[in-house]
Amino acid sequence: MTHIGKNIKKLRKSNNMTLQELSEKTNLSIGFLSQFERGLTSIALDSLEDISKALEVDISHFIVKPKVKESCILKSFEQEVDKIISNKFIKYNLSNVSDDKKILPKKVDILPIENKEDIKEHSHKGEEFIYVLEGTLTLLLDSKKFQLYPGDSAHYSSRKLHNLGNYTNKVVKILVITTNDEDN
């Protein structure tokens, strides 16, 4: 989190914005913002999103991609956010190496769907394996809805229409393994 706080401070100063102005735009206290910029506290994802809007950048601007490491071992404390999609899916790489590998393992946190809109299915090359770690996952597969619970799994061709959703009020955590194909 320290690097995110430093990045926010640098961006805020380059925009000639004071802590007071950022506080007014985000409804976060000056004290909290100051502590976060100095790496003394952590931040919730929705607060980080408010800051990104106030600074007029995408939230992914603050997320640092993991550096390629020579080791085939990735310790849990080294895991970093790979990407955030639509502020609903937070993806973490579970591997240091991906360029020459055929599979891409990720841990995905799926935030609750606020307005319970229908999720849209899509397809692409490759195949996917999903294992539910925590929560209740809604899997749409060829226009059918499946509820998956901790310990449940699904393995399917990514060419089938599919998507994932969280219709509960708690975060769903899943392990996803996809093949390293184009458009995946």
N, C-alpha and C. Protein backbone atom coordinates (compact mmCIF):
# COMPACT_ATOMS: atom_id res chain seq x y z
N MET A 1 0.81 -1.20 0.00
CA MET A 1 0.00 0.00 0.00
C MET A 1 0.86 1.26 0.00
N THR A 2 2.09 1.15 0.50
CA THR A 2 2.94 2.34 0.58
C THR A 2 3.16 2.95 -0.79
N HIS A 3 3.40 2.08 -1.81
CA HIS A 3 3.64 2.61 -3.16
C HIS A 3 2.40 3.31 -3.72
N ILE A 4 1.20 2.84 -3.34
CA ILE A 4 -0.03 3.48 -3.82
C ILE A 4 -0.16 4.86 -3.19
N GLY A 5 0.11 4.97 -1.89
CA GLY A 5 0.04 6.26 -1.21
C GLY A 5 1.01 7.27 -1.79
N LYS A 6 2.24 6.82 -2.06
CA LYS A 6 3.25 7.71 -2.66
C LYS A 6 2.82 8.15 -4.05
N ASN A 7 2.24 7.22 -4.80
CA ASN A 7 1.77 7.52 -6.15
C ASN A 7 0.65 8.56 -6.11
N ILE A 8 -0.26 8.43 -5.15
CA ILE A 8 -1.36 9.40 -5.00
C ILE A 8 -0.81 10.77 -4.67
N LYS A 9 0.13 10.83 -3.73
CA LYS A 9 0.72 12.12 -3.34
C LYS A 9 1.41 12.78 -4.53
N LYS A 10 2.16 12.01 -5.29
CA LYS A 10 2.86 12.55 -6.46
C LYS A 10 1.86 13.09 -7.49
N LEU A 11 0.81 12.34 -7.76
CA LEU A 11 -0.20 12.74 -8.73
C LEU A 11 -0.98 13.96 -8.23
N ARG A 12 -1.31 13.96 -6.94
CA ARG A 12 -2.03 15.09 -6.35
C ARG A 12 -1.21 16.37 -6.47
N LYS A 13 0.07 16.28 -6.15
CA LYS A 13 0.94 17.47 -6.21
C LYS A 13 1.15 17.92 -7.66
N SER A 14 1.24 16.97 -8.59
CA SER A 14 1.43 17.36 -10.00
C SER A 14 0.19 18.07 -10.55
N ASN A 15 -0.96 17.81 -9.92
CA ASN A 15 -2.20 18.50 -10.30
C ASN A 15 -2.43 19.76 -9.47
N ASN A 16 -1.41 20.15 -8.69
CA ASN A 16 -1.51 21.32 -7.80
C ASN A 16 -2.74 21.25 -6.91
N MET A 17 -3.00 20.06 -6.36
CA MET A 17 -4.16 19.86 -5.50
C MET A 17 -3.68 19.70 -4.06
N THR A 18 -4.33 20.37 -3.14
CA THR A 18 -3.99 20.25 -1.72
C THR A 18 -4.73 19.06 -1.13
N LEU A 19 -4.29 18.64 0.06
CA LEU A 19 -5.00 17.59 0.78
C LEU A 19 -6.43 18.02 1.08
N GLN A 20 -6.61 19.29 1.39
CA GLN A 20 -7.94 19.84 1.66
C GLN A 20 -8.86 19.64 0.45
N GLU A 21 -8.35 19.98 -0.75
CA GLU A 21 -9.15 19.84 -1.98
C GLU A 21 -9.48 18.38 -2.26
N LEU A 22 -8.49 17.49 -2.07
CA LEU A 22 -8.73 16.06 -2.28
C LEU A 22 -9.75 15.55 -1.26
N SER A 23 -9.65 16.02 -0.05
CA SER A 23 -10.59 15.64 1.00
C SER A 23 -12.01 16.04 0.63
N GLU A 24 -12.18 17.25 0.12
CA GLU A 24 -13.51 17.74 -0.27
C GLU A 24 -14.09 16.93 -1.43
N LYS A 25 -13.24 16.50 -2.36
CA LYS A 25 -13.72 15.76 -3.53
C LYS A 25 -14.03 14.30 -3.20
N THR A 26 -13.44 13.77 -2.13
CA THR A 26 -13.59 12.34 -1.83
C THR A 26 -14.39 12.05 -0.56
N ASN A 27 -14.65 13.10 0.23
CA ASN A 27 -15.29 12.93 1.54
C ASN A 27 -14.46 12.07 2.48
N LEU A 28 -13.14 12.03 2.27
CA LEU A 28 -12.21 11.36 3.18
C LEU A 28 -11.50 12.44 3.98
N SER A 29 -11.21 12.18 5.24
CA SER A 29 -10.60 13.22 6.08
C SER A 29 -9.17 13.54 5.63
N ILE A 30 -8.76 14.76 5.91
CA ILE A 30 -7.39 15.19 5.59
C ILE A 30 -6.39 14.30 6.34
N GLY A 31 -6.69 14.01 7.60
CA GLY A 31 -5.80 13.17 8.40
C GLY A 31 -5.62 11.79 7.80
N PHE A 32 -6.74 11.18 7.38
CA PHE A 32 -6.67 9.87 6.77
C PHE A 32 -5.85 9.91 5.48
N LEU A 33 -6.13 10.89 4.62
CA LEU A 33 -5.41 11.01 3.35
C LEU A 33 -3.92 11.19 3.59
N SER A 34 -3.57 12.02 4.56
CA SER A 34 -2.16 12.26 4.89
C SER A 34 -1.49 10.97 5.36
N GLN A 35 -2.16 10.23 6.25
CA GLN A 35 -1.60 8.97 6.74
C GLN A 35 -1.45 7.96 5.61
N PHE A 36 -2.43 7.91 4.72
CA PHE A 36 -2.36 6.95 3.61
C PHE A 36 -1.21 7.30 2.67
N GLU A 37 -1.05 8.58 2.35
CA GLU A 37 0.04 8.99 1.47
C GLU A 37 1.41 8.65 2.06
N ARG A 38 1.50 8.62 3.39
CA ARG A 38 2.76 8.30 4.05
C ARG A 38 2.91 6.81 4.36
N GLY A 39 1.90 6.01 3.95
CA GLY A 39 1.99 4.56 4.14
C GLY A 39 1.71 4.11 5.56
N LEU A 40 0.99 4.92 6.34
CA LEU A 40 0.72 4.59 7.73
C LEU A 40 -0.60 3.88 7.94
N THR A 41 -1.42 3.79 6.90
CA THR A 41 -2.71 3.11 7.01
C THR A 41 -3.06 2.48 5.67
N SER A 42 -4.01 1.57 5.68
CA SER A 42 -4.47 0.94 4.43
C SER A 42 -5.75 1.64 3.98
N ILE A 43 -6.24 1.22 2.81
CA ILE A 43 -7.41 1.89 2.23
C ILE A 43 -8.37 0.87 1.64
N ALA A 44 -9.64 1.16 1.73
CA ALA A 44 -10.66 0.30 1.13
C ALA A 44 -10.71 0.57 -0.38
N LEU A 45 -11.11 -0.42 -1.13
CA LEU A 45 -11.16 -0.31 -2.59
C LEU A 45 -12.09 0.82 -3.04
N ASP A 46 -13.24 0.98 -2.38
CA ASP A 46 -14.17 2.04 -2.79
C ASP A 46 -13.59 3.43 -2.52
N SER A 47 -12.80 3.57 -1.45
CA SER A 47 -12.14 4.86 -1.17
C SER A 47 -11.06 5.14 -2.21
N LEU A 48 -10.33 4.09 -2.61
CA LEU A 48 -9.32 4.26 -3.65
C LEU A 48 -9.97 4.66 -4.97
N GLU A 49 -11.14 4.11 -5.23
CA GLU A 49 -11.88 4.48 -6.44
C GLU A 49 -12.30 5.96 -6.38
N ASP A 50 -12.74 6.43 -5.21
CA ASP A 50 -13.10 7.85 -5.05
C ASP A 50 -11.90 8.75 -5.32
N ILE A 51 -10.74 8.34 -4.82
CA ILE A 51 -9.52 9.12 -5.04
C ILE A 51 -9.16 9.14 -6.52
N SER A 52 -9.27 7.98 -7.18
CA SER A 52 -8.92 7.92 -8.61
C SER A 52 -9.84 8.83 -9.43
N LYS A 53 -11.13 8.88 -9.06
CA LYS A 53 -12.05 9.79 -9.76
C LYS A 53 -11.68 11.24 -9.51
N ALA A 54 -11.34 11.57 -8.27
CA ALA A 54 -10.97 12.95 -7.93
C ALA A 54 -9.70 13.39 -8.67
N LEU A 55 -8.78 12.44 -8.88
CA LEU A 55 -7.53 12.75 -9.57
C LEU A 55 -7.64 12.50 -11.08
N GLU A 56 -8.81 12.08 -11.52
CA GLU A 56 -9.12 11.87 -12.94
C GLU A 56 -8.21 10.85 -13.61
N VAL A 57 -8.03 9.72 -12.92
CA VAL A 57 -7.28 8.59 -13.49
C VAL A 57 -8.06 7.32 -13.20
N ASP A 58 -7.81 6.29 -13.98
CA ASP A 58 -8.42 5.00 -13.75
C ASP A 58 -7.81 4.39 -12.49
N ILE A 59 -8.59 3.64 -11.76
CA ILE A 59 -8.11 3.03 -10.52
C ILE A 59 -6.89 2.14 -10.76
N SER A 60 -6.80 1.54 -11.94
CA SER A 60 -5.67 0.67 -12.25
C SER A 60 -4.35 1.43 -12.29
N HIS A 61 -4.41 2.77 -12.37
CA HIS A 61 -3.20 3.60 -12.35
C HIS A 61 -2.40 3.38 -11.07
N PHE A 62 -3.09 3.03 -9.99
CA PHE A 62 -2.43 2.88 -8.70
C PHE A 62 -1.96 1.47 -8.40
N ILE A 63 -2.29 0.54 -9.27
CA ILE A 63 -1.94 -0.85 -9.04
C ILE A 63 -0.66 -1.17 -9.79
N VAL A 64 0.33 -1.67 -9.07
CA VAL A 64 1.62 -2.01 -9.66
C VAL A 64 1.60 -3.49 -10.02
N LYS A 65 1.95 -3.78 -11.25
CA LYS A 65 2.00 -5.18 -11.69
C LYS A 65 3.25 -5.83 -11.08
N PRO A 66 3.14 -7.11 -10.73
CA PRO A 66 4.31 -7.78 -10.16
C PRO A 66 5.46 -7.85 -11.15
N LYS A 67 6.65 -7.70 -10.61
CA LYS A 67 7.84 -7.79 -11.46
C LYS A 67 8.11 -9.26 -11.77
N VAL A 68 8.62 -9.52 -12.96
CA VAL A 68 8.96 -10.89 -13.33
C VAL A 68 10.13 -11.33 -12.47
N LYS A 69 9.99 -12.46 -11.83
CA LYS A 69 11.02 -12.97 -10.95
C LYS A 69 11.58 -14.24 -11.56
N GLU A 70 12.78 -14.56 -11.17
CA GLU A 70 13.42 -15.74 -11.73
C GLU A 70 12.96 -17.02 -11.04
N SER A 71 12.44 -16.90 -9.84
CA SER A 71 12.04 -18.07 -9.08
C SER A 71 10.68 -18.59 -9.55
N CYS A 72 10.50 -19.89 -9.45
CA CYS A 72 9.19 -20.48 -9.77
C CYS A 72 8.30 -20.46 -8.54
N ILE A 73 8.81 -19.94 -7.43
CA ILE A 73 8.06 -19.86 -6.18
C ILE A 73 7.53 -18.44 -5.99
N LEU A 74 6.26 -18.34 -5.63
CA LEU A 74 5.67 -17.04 -5.31
C LEU A 74 5.09 -17.15 -3.91
N LYS A 75 5.68 -16.44 -2.96
CA LYS A 75 5.22 -16.45 -1.58
C LYS A 75 3.92 -15.65 -1.47
N SER A 76 3.08 -16.01 -0.52
CA SER A 76 1.78 -15.34 -0.37
C SER A 76 1.93 -13.84 -0.17
N PHE A 77 2.96 -13.41 0.56
CA PHE A 77 3.15 -11.98 0.80
C PHE A 77 3.66 -11.24 -0.43
N GLU A 78 4.07 -11.96 -1.48
CA GLU A 78 4.53 -11.33 -2.72
C GLU A 78 3.40 -11.14 -3.72
N GLN A 79 2.25 -11.75 -3.47
CA GLN A 79 1.14 -11.63 -4.41
C GLN A 79 0.65 -10.20 -4.48
N GLU A 80 0.47 -9.73 -5.70
CA GLU A 80 -0.02 -8.37 -5.91
C GLU A 80 -1.20 -8.42 -6.87
N VAL A 81 -1.99 -7.36 -6.84
CA VAL A 81 -3.14 -7.27 -7.73
C VAL A 81 -2.63 -7.21 -9.17
N ASP A 82 -3.19 -8.06 -10.02
CA ASP A 82 -2.86 -8.05 -11.44
C ASP A 82 -3.72 -7.01 -12.16
N LYS A 83 -5.03 -7.06 -11.92
CA LYS A 83 -5.92 -6.07 -12.52
C LYS A 83 -7.26 -6.05 -11.80
N ILE A 84 -7.95 -4.93 -11.96
CA ILE A 84 -9.29 -4.78 -11.43
C ILE A 84 -10.20 -4.54 -12.62
N ILE A 85 -11.25 -5.33 -12.73
CA ILE A 85 -12.15 -5.25 -13.88
C ILE A 85 -13.50 -4.74 -13.41
N SER A 86 -13.94 -3.64 -13.98
CA SER A 86 -15.26 -3.05 -13.71
C SER A 86 -15.53 -2.86 -12.22
N ASN A 87 -14.48 -2.68 -11.44
CA ASN A 87 -14.61 -2.52 -9.99
C ASN A 87 -15.40 -3.64 -9.34
N LYS A 88 -15.43 -4.82 -9.99
CA LYS A 88 -16.14 -5.98 -9.44
C LYS A 88 -15.24 -7.19 -9.29
N PHE A 89 -14.21 -7.31 -10.13
CA PHE A 89 -13.32 -8.45 -10.11
C PHE A 89 -11.91 -7.96 -9.79
N ILE A 90 -11.31 -8.52 -8.74
CA ILE A 90 -9.93 -8.20 -8.39
C ILE A 90 -9.12 -9.47 -8.63
N LYS A 91 -8.20 -9.40 -9.60
CA LYS A 91 -7.43 -10.58 -10.00
C LYS A 91 -6.00 -10.49 -9.46
N TYR A 92 -5.55 -11.61 -8.87
CA TYR A 92 -4.19 -11.73 -8.34
C TYR A 92 -3.47 -12.83 -9.11
N ASN A 93 -2.26 -12.55 -9.60
CA ASN A 93 -1.45 -13.59 -10.23
C ASN A 93 -0.98 -14.55 -9.15
N LEU A 94 -0.98 -15.83 -9.45
CA LEU A 94 -0.46 -16.84 -8.53
C LEU A 94 0.81 -17.47 -9.06
N SER A 95 1.42 -16.82 -10.06
CA SER A 95 2.64 -17.33 -10.67
C SER A 95 3.56 -16.17 -11.04
N ASN A 96 4.86 -16.39 -10.89
CA ASN A 96 5.84 -15.38 -11.30
C ASN A 96 6.07 -15.38 -12.80
N VAL A 97 5.86 -16.51 -13.43
CA VAL A 97 6.17 -16.65 -14.84
C VAL A 97 4.91 -16.97 -15.62
N SER A 98 4.70 -16.27 -16.73
CA SER A 98 3.50 -16.55 -17.52
C SER A 98 3.79 -16.56 -19.02
N ASP A 99 4.88 -15.92 -19.44
CA ASP A 99 5.14 -15.79 -20.88
C ASP A 99 5.26 -17.12 -21.59
N ASP A 100 5.94 -18.08 -20.99
CA ASP A 100 6.18 -19.34 -21.68
C ASP A 100 5.33 -20.48 -21.11
N LYS A 101 4.38 -20.18 -20.26
CA LYS A 101 3.56 -21.22 -19.65
C LYS A 101 2.22 -21.35 -20.38
N LYS A 102 1.64 -22.54 -20.31
CA LYS A 102 0.38 -22.81 -21.01
C LYS A 102 -0.84 -22.52 -20.14
N ILE A 103 -0.65 -22.43 -18.83
CA ILE A 103 -1.78 -22.13 -17.95
C ILE A 103 -1.48 -20.86 -17.15
N LEU A 104 -2.54 -20.15 -16.78
CA LEU A 104 -2.43 -18.93 -15.99
C LEU A 104 -3.29 -19.07 -14.74
N PRO A 105 -2.67 -19.36 -13.59
CA PRO A 105 -3.44 -19.46 -12.35
C PRO A 105 -3.64 -18.08 -11.72
N LYS A 106 -4.86 -17.81 -11.28
CA LYS A 106 -5.18 -16.54 -10.63
C LYS A 106 -6.13 -16.80 -9.47
N LYS A 107 -6.03 -15.95 -8.46
CA LYS A 107 -7.05 -15.90 -7.42
C LYS A 107 -7.89 -14.69 -7.77
N VAL A 108 -9.21 -14.84 -7.72
CA VAL A 108 -10.10 -13.74 -8.09
C VAL A 108 -11.06 -13.49 -6.93
N ASP A 109 -11.14 -12.24 -6.52
CA ASP A 109 -12.15 -11.82 -5.55
C ASP A 109 -13.26 -11.16 -6.36
N ILE A 110 -14.49 -11.62 -6.18
CA ILE A 110 -15.63 -11.06 -6.91
C ILE A 110 -16.50 -10.33 -5.90
N LEU A 111 -16.62 -9.02 -6.10
CA LEU A 111 -17.40 -8.20 -5.19
C LEU A 111 -18.89 -8.37 -5.48
N PRO A 112 -19.74 -8.15 -4.48
CA PRO A 112 -21.19 -8.27 -4.71
C PRO A 112 -21.68 -7.33 -5.81
N ILE A 113 -22.66 -7.79 -6.57
CA ILE A 113 -23.29 -6.96 -7.60
C ILE A 113 -24.28 -6.06 -6.89
N GLU A 114 -24.06 -4.74 -7.00
CA GLU A 114 -24.89 -3.79 -6.25
C GLU A 114 -26.33 -3.76 -6.70
N ASN A 115 -26.58 -3.61 -7.99
CA ASN A 115 -27.96 -3.44 -8.44
C ASN A 115 -28.54 -4.72 -9.03
N LYS A 116 -27.88 -5.83 -8.78
CA LYS A 116 -28.38 -7.15 -9.19
C LYS A 116 -28.74 -7.24 -10.68
N GLU A 117 -28.03 -6.45 -11.50
CA GLU A 117 -28.30 -6.53 -12.94
C GLU A 117 -27.87 -7.90 -13.47
N ASP A 118 -28.43 -8.28 -14.58
CA ASP A 118 -28.05 -9.55 -15.19
C ASP A 118 -26.63 -9.45 -15.71
N ILE A 119 -25.87 -10.51 -15.51
CA ILE A 119 -24.52 -10.54 -16.05
C ILE A 119 -24.59 -11.06 -17.48
N LYS A 120 -23.76 -10.51 -18.32
CA LYS A 120 -23.75 -10.85 -19.75
C LYS A 120 -22.68 -11.91 -20.01
N GLU A 121 -23.05 -12.90 -20.79
CA GLU A 121 -22.12 -13.97 -21.13
C GLU A 121 -21.22 -13.55 -22.29
N HIS A 122 -20.03 -14.14 -22.34
CA HIS A 122 -19.09 -13.90 -23.43
C HIS A 122 -18.34 -15.20 -23.70
N SER A 123 -17.56 -15.20 -24.77
CA SER A 123 -16.74 -16.37 -25.08
C SER A 123 -15.40 -15.90 -25.64
N HIS A 124 -14.42 -16.78 -25.60
CA HIS A 124 -13.08 -16.49 -26.13
C HIS A 124 -12.33 -17.82 -26.29
N LYS A 125 -11.13 -17.77 -26.80
CA LYS A 125 -10.33 -18.98 -26.99
C LYS A 125 -9.90 -19.54 -25.64
N GLY A 126 -9.61 -20.84 -25.64
CA GLY A 126 -9.02 -21.46 -24.46
C GLY A 126 -10.00 -22.28 -23.64
N GLU A 127 -9.59 -22.59 -22.41
CA GLU A 127 -10.44 -23.29 -21.48
C GLU A 127 -10.20 -22.74 -20.08
N GLU A 128 -11.17 -22.99 -19.19
CA GLU A 128 -11.11 -22.44 -17.84
C GLU A 128 -11.45 -23.51 -16.82
N PHE A 129 -10.77 -23.41 -15.68
CA PHE A 129 -11.08 -24.23 -14.53
C PHE A 129 -11.31 -23.27 -13.37
N ILE A 130 -12.40 -23.46 -12.63
CA ILE A 130 -12.74 -22.60 -11.50
C ILE A 130 -12.94 -23.47 -10.27
N TYR A 131 -12.37 -23.03 -9.15
CA TYR A 131 -12.56 -23.71 -7.87
C TYR A 131 -12.98 -22.66 -6.85
N VAL A 132 -14.12 -22.86 -6.21
CA VAL A 132 -14.64 -21.88 -5.24
C VAL A 132 -13.95 -22.08 -3.90
N LEU A 133 -13.30 -21.01 -3.43
CA LEU A 133 -12.62 -21.03 -2.14
C LEU A 133 -13.54 -20.55 -1.01
N GLU A 134 -14.34 -19.52 -1.31
CA GLU A 134 -15.17 -18.89 -0.28
C GLU A 134 -16.37 -18.22 -0.93
N GLY A 135 -17.53 -18.34 -0.32
CA GLY A 135 -18.73 -17.66 -0.81
C GLY A 135 -19.54 -18.50 -1.79
N THR A 136 -20.57 -17.87 -2.35
CA THR A 136 -21.45 -18.52 -3.32
C THR A 136 -21.28 -17.85 -4.68
N LEU A 137 -20.77 -18.59 -5.64
CA LEU A 137 -20.51 -18.08 -6.98
C LEU A 137 -21.67 -18.43 -7.90
N THR A 138 -22.10 -17.48 -8.71
CA THR A 138 -23.07 -17.75 -9.77
C THR A 138 -22.29 -17.89 -11.07
N LEU A 139 -22.39 -19.04 -11.71
CA LEU A 139 -21.73 -19.31 -12.99
C LEU A 139 -22.81 -19.38 -14.05
N LEU A 140 -22.70 -18.55 -15.07
CA LEU A 140 -23.55 -18.65 -16.24
C LEU A 140 -22.76 -19.42 -17.29
N LEU A 141 -23.35 -20.47 -17.80
CA LEU A 141 -22.69 -21.31 -18.79
C LEU A 141 -23.74 -21.74 -19.80
N ASP A 142 -23.58 -21.26 -21.03
CA ASP A 142 -24.55 -21.54 -22.10
C ASP A 142 -25.98 -21.22 -21.66
N SER A 143 -26.16 -20.03 -21.11
CA SER A 143 -27.45 -19.48 -20.68
C SER A 143 -28.11 -20.23 -19.51
N LYS A 144 -27.35 -21.07 -18.82
CA LYS A 144 -27.86 -21.74 -17.61
C LYS A 144 -27.12 -21.17 -16.41
N LYS A 145 -27.84 -20.99 -15.28
CA LYS A 145 -27.24 -20.49 -14.05
C LYS A 145 -26.94 -21.66 -13.12
N PHE A 146 -25.73 -21.64 -12.57
CA PHE A 146 -25.31 -22.65 -11.60
C PHE A 146 -24.82 -21.93 -10.35
N GLN A 147 -25.19 -22.43 -9.18
CA GLN A 147 -24.68 -21.92 -7.91
C GLN A 147 -23.56 -22.85 -7.47
N LEU A 148 -22.38 -22.28 -7.27
CA LEU A 148 -21.23 -23.07 -6.82
C LEU A 148 -20.84 -22.60 -5.42
N TYR A 149 -20.55 -23.57 -4.54
CA TYR A 149 -20.23 -23.30 -3.15
C TYR A 149 -18.78 -23.72 -2.86
N PRO A 150 -18.23 -23.33 -1.71
CA PRO A 150 -16.84 -23.69 -1.40
C PRO A 150 -16.58 -25.18 -1.61
N GLY A 151 -15.53 -25.47 -2.35
CA GLY A 151 -15.18 -26.84 -2.69
C GLY A 151 -15.71 -27.29 -4.04
N ASP A 152 -16.68 -26.55 -4.60
CA ASP A 152 -17.21 -26.89 -5.93
C ASP A 152 -16.25 -26.39 -7.00
N SER A 153 -16.31 -27.01 -8.17
CA SER A 153 -15.45 -26.59 -9.28
C SER A 153 -16.20 -26.73 -10.60
N ALA A 154 -15.66 -26.08 -11.63
CA ALA A 154 -16.20 -26.17 -12.98
C ALA A 154 -15.02 -26.13 -13.95
N HIS A 155 -15.11 -26.91 -15.02
CA HIS A 155 -14.06 -26.96 -16.05
C HIS A 155 -14.78 -26.99 -17.40
N TYR A 156 -14.50 -25.98 -18.23
CA TYR A 156 -15.25 -25.86 -19.48
C TYR A 156 -14.42 -25.15 -20.54
N SER A 157 -14.85 -25.31 -21.79
CA SER A 157 -14.24 -24.60 -22.91
C SER A 157 -14.65 -23.14 -22.84
N SER A 158 -13.69 -22.24 -22.99
CA SER A 158 -13.99 -20.80 -22.95
C SER A 158 -14.75 -20.35 -24.18
N ARG A 159 -14.86 -21.23 -25.18
CA ARG A 159 -15.65 -20.90 -26.37
C ARG A 159 -17.15 -20.95 -26.08
N LYS A 160 -17.53 -21.63 -24.99
CA LYS A 160 -18.93 -21.62 -24.57
C LYS A 160 -19.24 -20.24 -23.99
N LEU A 161 -20.47 -19.78 -24.16
CA LEU A 161 -20.88 -18.53 -23.54
C LEU A 161 -20.83 -18.72 -22.02
N HIS A 162 -20.17 -17.77 -21.32
CA HIS A 162 -20.00 -17.92 -19.89
C HIS A 162 -19.74 -16.57 -19.22
N ASN A 163 -19.93 -16.54 -17.92
CA ASN A 163 -19.54 -15.40 -17.09
C ASN A 163 -19.74 -15.79 -15.63
N LEU A 164 -19.20 -14.95 -14.74
CA LEU A 164 -19.26 -15.19 -13.30
C LEU A 164 -19.96 -14.03 -12.63
N GLY A 165 -20.65 -14.30 -11.54
CA GLY A 165 -21.31 -13.23 -10.80
C GLY A 165 -21.39 -13.55 -9.32
N ASN A 166 -21.65 -12.51 -8.55
CA ASN A 166 -21.80 -12.64 -7.11
C ASN A 166 -23.08 -11.93 -6.72
N TYR A 167 -24.14 -12.68 -6.47
CA TYR A 167 -25.43 -12.11 -6.10
C TYR A 167 -25.63 -12.08 -4.58
N THR A 168 -24.56 -12.32 -3.82
CA THR A 168 -24.66 -12.31 -2.37
C THR A 168 -24.18 -10.95 -1.85
N ASN A 169 -24.11 -10.81 -0.55
CA ASN A 169 -23.61 -9.56 0.03
C ASN A 169 -22.21 -9.72 0.62
N LYS A 170 -21.52 -10.81 0.27
CA LYS A 170 -20.15 -11.06 0.73
C LYS A 170 -19.25 -11.32 -0.47
N VAL A 171 -17.96 -11.07 -0.29
CA VAL A 171 -16.99 -11.30 -1.36
C VAL A 171 -16.89 -12.81 -1.64
N VAL A 172 -16.84 -13.15 -2.92
CA VAL A 172 -16.62 -14.53 -3.35
C VAL A 172 -15.16 -14.64 -3.77
N LYS A 173 -14.47 -15.68 -3.29
CA LYS A 173 -13.07 -15.89 -3.65
C LYS A 173 -12.96 -17.20 -4.41
N ILE A 174 -12.31 -17.15 -5.57
CA ILE A 174 -12.18 -18.34 -6.40
C ILE A 174 -10.75 -18.48 -6.91
N LEU A 175 -10.38 -19.69 -7.24
CA LEU A 175 -9.15 -19.99 -7.95
C LEU A 175 -9.54 -20.21 -9.40
N VAL A 176 -8.89 -19.52 -10.32
CA VAL A 176 -9.19 -19.66 -11.75
C VAL A 176 -7.90 -20.04 -12.48
N ILE A 177 -7.99 -21.06 -13.29
CA ILE A 177 -6.86 -21.45 -14.13
C ILE A 177 -7.35 -21.42 -15.57
N THR A 178 -6.70 -20.56 -16.37
CA THR A 178 -7.06 -20.45 -17.78
C THR A 178 -5.86 -20.83 -18.63
N THR A 179 -6.11 -21.19 -19.88
CA THR A 179 -5.00 -21.46 -20.78
C THR A 179 -4.49 -20.14 -21.36
N ASN A 180 -3.23 -20.09 -21.66
CA ASN A 180 -2.56 -18.91 -22.16
C ASN A 180 -2.72 -18.82 -23.68
N ASP A 181 -3.95 -18.56 -24.11
CA ASP A 181 -4.26 -18.40 -25.53
C ASP A 181 -4.47 -16.94 -25.85
N GLU A 182 -4.41 -16.58 -27.10
CA GLU A 182 -4.74 -15.21 -27.52
C GLU A 182 -6.13 -14.86 -27.04
N ASP A 183 -6.38 -13.58 -26.79
CA ASP A 183 -7.68 -13.05 -26.38
C ASP A 183 -8.12 -13.59 -25.03
N ASN A 184 -7.26 -14.22 -24.28
CA ASN A 184 -7.64 -14.78 -22.99
C ASN A 184 -7.20 -13.87 -21.88
